[in-house]
Amino acid sequence: MTANKDFKEVVSTTPDTLLPCAADLLQKHNIGSLMVTDLDEKLKGIITERDIIRSLPQLKDNIINCTVGEIMTKSVITCSPDDDAVTTLAIMNQHNCRHMPVVKHGKPLALLSIREFDTACKHLQTLSRTDELTGLANRRHFIELFKAELNKHHRHQEDLCVVMLDVDFFKQINDKFGHDAGDQVLCKLADILKNRLRGCDVIGRLGGEEFGLLLPNTRLADAVNVCKNLGGLIRTSEIFIGRNVINFTASFGVTKVVEKSLNCEKILIRADKLLY
């Protein structure tokens, strides 16, 4: 993400615009700030609602005759469209900027609001942790959650079971019905897992047709029963592709975390071997 991926339509004004007109523009467009430019569209400053409110007591009745240029913020921190999001956000925090103009060759292209920018960064962070197809945690995020659960297990000595599951003969489904059908199988499996597991359980798509489950506070025998129930639901599910009905099954590898010496990857490898 670069700095230009925020507001594209910018409301601007000139320094000689009367203050009441600027206030009307802010209200009309429901925005918190205006960029102030000269006739050549060169950036001269910013005027915000805060600037106006702060100036009201001293200007009093004379506000009707004041220009934007009299109270605007003249020393403005700017960025370019090519600056990355992390750097831009750091600069905004460093200078305590609520708004930052995006400028190219001296001309403003957009205006970043730290509130909108922070929201966008959090959204991107969520996307980076989520499997695009199924909406489940991707492998990286699953491992992060696994490490947290493993630490909790070691601290409180609570039961923790780990499951690896794999769609059986998935390549044959893709070859016979096409990759769109394969995607629908994966989404159907993800829906079954999300609907049948507890809120405290962690589900992740680790790659291809391979999924991982974390079952905290679950004994091994109970984890095995959970997998048997899931296997039955998967076996009886149906996906309709045109006139074709696809039934599929899945295999499970279940293990209980016991040794403190094993890390997440080694535990997943053990569950994966049990799967086969």
Protein backbone atom coordinates (compact mmCIF):
# COMPACT_ATOMS: atom_id res chain seq x y z
CA MET A 1 0.00 0.00 0.00
CA THR A 2 1.30 3.41 -0.97
CA ALA A 3 0.24 6.84 0.19
CA ASN A 4 -1.93 7.59 -2.84
CA LYS A 5 -4.43 4.84 -1.97
CA ASP A 6 -6.76 7.01 0.08
CA PHE A 7 -8.84 10.07 -0.79
CA LYS A 8 -8.72 10.74 -4.54
CA GLU A 9 -11.29 13.54 -4.71
CA VAL A 10 -9.95 16.54 -2.81
CA VAL A 11 -11.96 19.60 -1.84
CA SER A 12 -9.71 22.66 -1.92
CA THR A 13 -9.97 26.40 -1.53
CA THR A 14 -7.77 29.46 -2.09
CA PRO A 15 -6.13 31.63 0.61
CA ASP A 16 -8.38 34.61 -0.19
CA THR A 17 -11.62 32.65 0.28
CA LEU A 18 -13.66 34.17 3.09
CA LEU A 19 -13.79 32.05 6.22
CA PRO A 20 -17.58 31.53 6.24
CA CYS A 21 -17.34 30.05 2.73
CA ALA A 22 -14.65 27.62 3.88
CA ALA A 23 -16.77 26.59 6.87
CA ASP A 24 -19.70 25.98 4.51
CA LEU A 25 -17.50 23.78 2.30
CA LEU A 26 -16.41 21.68 5.29
CA GLN A 27 -20.02 21.20 6.36
CA LYS A 28 -21.35 20.59 2.84
CA HIS A 29 -18.83 17.83 2.08
CA ASN A 30 -18.83 16.45 5.64
CA ILE A 31 -15.03 16.66 5.83
CA GLY A 32 -12.61 17.76 8.53
CA SER A 33 -10.14 19.75 6.45
CA LEU A 34 -9.56 21.67 3.22
CA MET A 35 -6.37 21.97 1.22
CA VAL A 36 -5.47 25.55 0.40
CA THR A 37 -3.87 26.16 -3.01
CA ASP A 38 -2.91 29.12 -5.12
CA LEU A 39 -4.17 29.71 -8.66
CA ASP A 40 -1.44 27.41 -10.02
CA GLU A 41 -2.73 24.60 -7.75
CA LYS A 42 0.44 24.81 -5.65
CA LEU A 43 -0.15 23.79 -2.03
CA LYS A 44 -0.12 26.75 0.37
CA GLY A 45 -1.55 25.23 3.55
CA ILE A 46 -4.42 23.42 5.23
CA ILE A 47 -7.47 24.68 7.08
CA THR A 48 -9.31 22.38 9.46
CA GLU A 49 -12.41 22.59 11.61
CA ARG A 50 -10.04 22.87 14.55
CA ASP A 51 -8.38 25.95 13.02
CA ILE A 52 -11.74 27.65 12.65
CA ILE A 53 -12.96 26.78 16.15
CA ARG A 54 -9.67 27.91 17.68
CA SER A 55 -9.86 31.26 15.86
CA LEU A 56 -13.51 32.05 16.60
CA PRO A 57 -12.95 33.65 20.05
CA GLN A 58 -10.35 36.15 18.78
CA LEU A 59 -12.05 36.91 15.48
CA LYS A 60 -15.55 37.23 16.91
CA ASP A 61 -17.80 39.32 14.69
CA ASN A 62 -15.02 40.08 12.23
CA ILE A 63 -14.92 36.45 11.03
CA ILE A 64 -17.22 37.37 8.16
CA ASN A 65 -14.41 39.44 6.64
CA CYS A 66 -11.48 37.09 7.38
CA THR A 67 -9.81 35.05 4.68
CA VAL A 68 -8.71 31.44 4.89
CA GLY A 69 -5.10 32.56 4.47
CA GLU A 70 -5.21 34.40 7.80
CA ILE A 71 -5.75 31.34 9.97
CA MET A 72 -4.65 28.37 7.86
CA THR A 73 -1.83 26.05 8.87
CA LYS A 74 1.10 27.13 6.69
CA SER A 75 3.84 24.65 7.69
CA VAL A 76 2.44 21.44 6.24
CA ILE A 77 3.98 17.96 6.34
CA THR A 78 3.48 16.27 2.97
CA CYS A 79 4.17 12.92 1.36
CA SER A 80 4.40 11.66 -2.20
CA PRO A 81 2.12 9.08 -3.90
CA ASP A 82 4.99 6.58 -3.90
CA ASP A 83 5.66 6.65 -0.15
CA ASP A 84 4.73 3.39 1.54
CA ALA A 85 1.95 3.27 4.12
CA VAL A 86 4.12 2.38 7.11
CA THR A 87 6.53 5.28 6.54
CA THR A 88 3.72 7.76 5.96
CA LEU A 89 1.83 6.68 9.06
CA ALA A 90 5.03 6.92 11.13
CA ILE A 91 5.63 10.50 9.90
CA MET A 92 2.05 11.47 10.76
CA ASN A 93 2.44 10.09 14.27
CA GLN A 94 5.87 11.69 14.69
CA HIS A 95 4.57 15.16 13.77
CA ASN A 96 1.16 14.65 15.41
CA CYS A 97 -0.50 15.27 12.02
CA ARG A 98 -4.18 14.48 11.63
CA HIS A 99 -4.09 15.16 7.89
CA MET A 100 -1.31 14.85 5.34
CA PRO A 101 -1.49 16.09 1.73
CA VAL A 102 -0.21 13.81 -1.01
CA VAL A 103 1.80 16.04 -3.34
CA LYS A 104 3.47 15.47 -6.69
CA HIS A 105 5.56 18.20 -8.34
CA GLY A 106 4.19 20.67 -5.80
CA LYS A 107 0.55 19.96 -6.67
CA PRO A 108 -1.81 18.19 -4.25
CA LEU A 109 -3.31 14.93 -5.49
CA ALA A 110 -5.07 13.67 -2.36
CA LEU A 111 -5.47 14.18 1.35
CA LEU A 112 -4.78 11.49 3.91
CA SER A 113 -6.73 11.46 7.15
CA ILE A 114 -4.95 9.56 9.92
CA ARG A 115 -8.28 8.07 10.99
CA GLU A 116 -9.04 6.72 7.52
CA PHE A 117 -5.43 5.76 6.98
CA ASP A 118 -5.26 3.82 10.23
CA THR A 119 -8.49 2.02 9.31
CA ALA A 120 -7.03 1.14 5.90
CA CYS A 121 -3.84 -0.21 7.51
CA LYS A 122 -5.85 -2.37 9.90
CA HIS A 123 -7.93 -3.65 6.98
CA LEU A 124 -4.78 -4.56 5.06
CA GLN A 125 -3.43 -6.29 8.16
CA THR A 126 -6.61 -8.37 8.36
CA LEU A 127 -6.32 -9.28 4.68
CA SER A 128 -2.71 -10.34 5.16
CA ARG A 129 -3.79 -12.81 7.86
CA THR A 130 -6.81 -14.24 6.05
CA ASP A 131 -7.10 -16.92 3.39
CA GLU A 132 -8.81 -15.17 0.49
CA LEU A 133 -10.88 -18.17 -0.67
CA THR A 134 -12.26 -19.51 2.61
CA GLY A 135 -12.03 -16.55 4.96
CA LEU A 136 -10.12 -18.69 7.46
CA ALA A 137 -6.78 -17.83 9.03
CA ASN A 138 -3.94 -18.35 6.54
CA ARG A 139 -0.89 -20.42 7.47
CA ARG A 140 1.12 -17.51 8.88
CA HIS A 141 -1.71 -16.28 11.11
CA PHE A 142 -2.58 -19.85 12.14
CA ILE A 143 1.00 -20.35 13.35
CA GLU A 144 0.81 -17.05 15.28
CA LEU A 145 -2.38 -18.20 17.00
CA PHE A 146 -0.85 -21.64 17.57
CA LYS A 147 2.15 -20.10 19.36
CA ALA A 148 -0.21 -18.14 21.62
CA GLU A 149 -2.23 -21.28 22.44
CA LEU A 150 0.98 -23.25 23.03
CA ASN A 151 2.24 -20.63 25.51
CA LYS A 152 -1.11 -20.71 27.30
CA HIS A 153 -0.96 -24.50 27.42
CA HIS A 154 2.51 -24.46 28.97
CA ARG A 155 1.50 -21.83 31.56
CA HIS A 156 -1.77 -23.35 32.70
CA GLN A 157 -1.23 -27.02 31.79
CA GLU A 158 -4.55 -27.10 29.95
CA ASP A 159 -5.29 -29.79 27.38
CA LEU A 160 -4.55 -28.82 23.79
CA CYS A 161 -5.18 -31.01 20.76
CA VAL A 162 -4.03 -30.31 17.23
CA VAL A 163 -5.69 -31.65 14.09
CA MET A 164 -4.51 -31.77 10.51
CA LEU A 165 -7.13 -32.60 7.89
CA ASP A 166 -6.92 -33.10 4.17
CA VAL A 167 -9.56 -33.47 1.46
CA ASP A 168 -9.28 -36.98 0.00
CA PHE A 169 -8.52 -37.30 -3.73
CA PHE A 170 -8.75 -33.56 -4.20
CA LYS A 171 -6.74 -33.62 -7.42
CA GLN A 172 -9.28 -35.98 -8.94
CA ILE A 173 -12.07 -33.53 -8.13
CA ASN A 174 -10.15 -30.72 -9.86
CA ASP A 175 -9.32 -32.91 -12.87
CA LYS A 176 -12.88 -34.20 -13.30
CA PHE A 177 -14.99 -31.15 -12.46
CA GLY A 178 -12.59 -28.21 -12.77
CA HIS A 179 -10.84 -25.89 -10.33
CA ASP A 180 -14.00 -23.89 -9.62
CA ALA A 181 -15.55 -27.09 -8.28
CA GLY A 182 -12.42 -27.67 -6.20
CA ASP A 183 -12.77 -24.17 -4.75
CA GLN A 184 -16.39 -24.87 -3.84
CA VAL A 185 -15.33 -28.05 -2.05
CA LEU A 186 -12.80 -26.10 0.03
CA CYS A 187 -15.37 -23.40 0.85
CA LYS A 188 -17.94 -26.04 1.81
CA LEU A 189 -15.42 -27.70 4.10
CA ALA A 190 -14.53 -24.33 5.66
CA ASP A 191 -18.23 -23.63 6.31
CA ILE A 192 -18.71 -27.00 8.02
CA LEU A 193 -15.70 -26.36 10.26
CA LYS A 194 -16.82 -22.82 11.14
CA ASN A 195 -20.39 -23.88 11.90
CA ARG A 196 -19.55 -26.97 13.96
CA LEU A 197 -16.52 -25.97 16.01
CA ARG A 198 -16.52 -23.77 19.12
CA GLY A 199 -15.72 -20.10 19.20
CA CYS A 200 -12.49 -20.81 21.09
CA ASP A 201 -11.28 -23.31 18.47
CA VAL A 202 -8.86 -22.08 15.81
CA ILE A 203 -9.28 -23.04 12.14
CA GLY A 204 -6.76 -22.34 9.41
CA ARG A 205 -6.19 -23.19 5.78
CA LEU A 206 -2.53 -24.16 5.68
CA GLY A 207 -2.26 -24.54 1.92
CA GLY A 208 -4.06 -26.29 -0.93
CA GLU A 209 -6.58 -28.75 0.50
CA GLU A 210 -4.81 -28.90 3.88
CA PHE A 211 -6.44 -27.45 7.00
CA GLY A 212 -5.38 -27.18 10.63
CA LEU A 213 -7.43 -27.09 13.84
CA LEU A 214 -6.50 -26.10 17.38
CA LEU A 215 -8.81 -27.51 20.06
CA PRO A 216 -7.99 -25.96 23.46
CA ASN A 217 -9.27 -27.54 26.68
CA THR A 218 -9.97 -30.75 24.77
CA ARG A 219 -8.87 -34.24 25.75
CA LEU A 220 -7.52 -36.53 23.05
CA ALA A 221 -10.55 -38.86 23.16
CA ASP A 222 -12.88 -35.86 22.79
CA ALA A 223 -10.80 -34.49 19.90
CA VAL A 224 -11.09 -37.85 18.13
CA ASN A 225 -14.89 -37.73 18.56
CA VAL A 226 -14.96 -34.19 17.18
CA CYS A 227 -13.12 -35.40 14.09
CA LYS A 228 -15.45 -38.38 13.67
CA ASN A 229 -18.47 -36.05 13.78
CA LEU A 230 -16.86 -33.66 11.32
CA GLY A 231 -15.98 -36.56 9.03
CA GLY A 232 -19.62 -37.67 9.01
CA LEU A 233 -20.87 -34.19 8.17
CA ILE A 234 -18.32 -33.85 5.38
CA ARG A 235 -19.20 -37.27 3.96
CA THR A 236 -22.93 -36.44 3.73
CA SER A 237 -22.47 -32.93 2.30
CA GLU A 238 -23.19 -32.30 -1.37
CA ILE A 239 -22.04 -29.75 -3.90
CA PHE A 240 -23.98 -29.24 -7.14
CA ILE A 241 -22.02 -28.39 -10.28
CA GLY A 242 -24.51 -28.19 -13.14
CA ARG A 243 -26.10 -31.65 -13.23
CA ASN A 244 -23.26 -33.19 -11.26
CA VAL A 245 -23.34 -33.84 -7.53
CA ILE A 246 -19.96 -33.90 -5.77
CA ASN A 247 -19.51 -35.84 -2.55
CA PHE A 248 -16.16 -35.74 -0.82
CA THR A 249 -14.44 -37.02 2.29
CA ALA A 250 -11.55 -35.88 4.47
CA SER A 251 -8.83 -37.58 6.50
CA PHE A 252 -7.77 -36.43 9.97
CA GLY A 253 -4.59 -36.61 12.00
CA VAL A 254 -5.10 -35.88 15.71
CA THR A 255 -2.44 -35.36 18.35
CA LYS A 256 -2.31 -34.04 21.88
CA VAL A 257 0.37 -31.56 22.92
CA VAL A 258 2.45 -33.14 25.68
CA GLU A 259 6.16 -32.39 25.33
CA LYS A 260 7.29 -28.84 26.07
CA SER A 261 10.27 -29.27 23.77
CA LEU A 262 8.19 -29.43 20.57
CA ASN A 263 7.45 -26.24 18.64
CA CYS A 264 4.41 -25.57 16.46
CA GLU A 265 5.92 -26.85 13.22
CA LYS A 266 7.05 -30.15 14.78
CA ILE A 267 3.61 -30.71 16.31
CA LEU A 268 1.97 -30.07 12.93
CA ILE A 269 4.38 -32.53 11.29
CA ARG A 270 3.41 -35.16 13.85
CA ALA A 271 -0.31 -34.56 13.22
CA ASP A 272 0.36 -34.67 9.47
CA LYS A 273 2.05 -38.07 9.75
CA LEU A 274 -0.91 -39.38 11.74
CA LEU A 275 -3.19 -38.13 8.98
CA TYR A 276 -1.51 -40.44 6.47
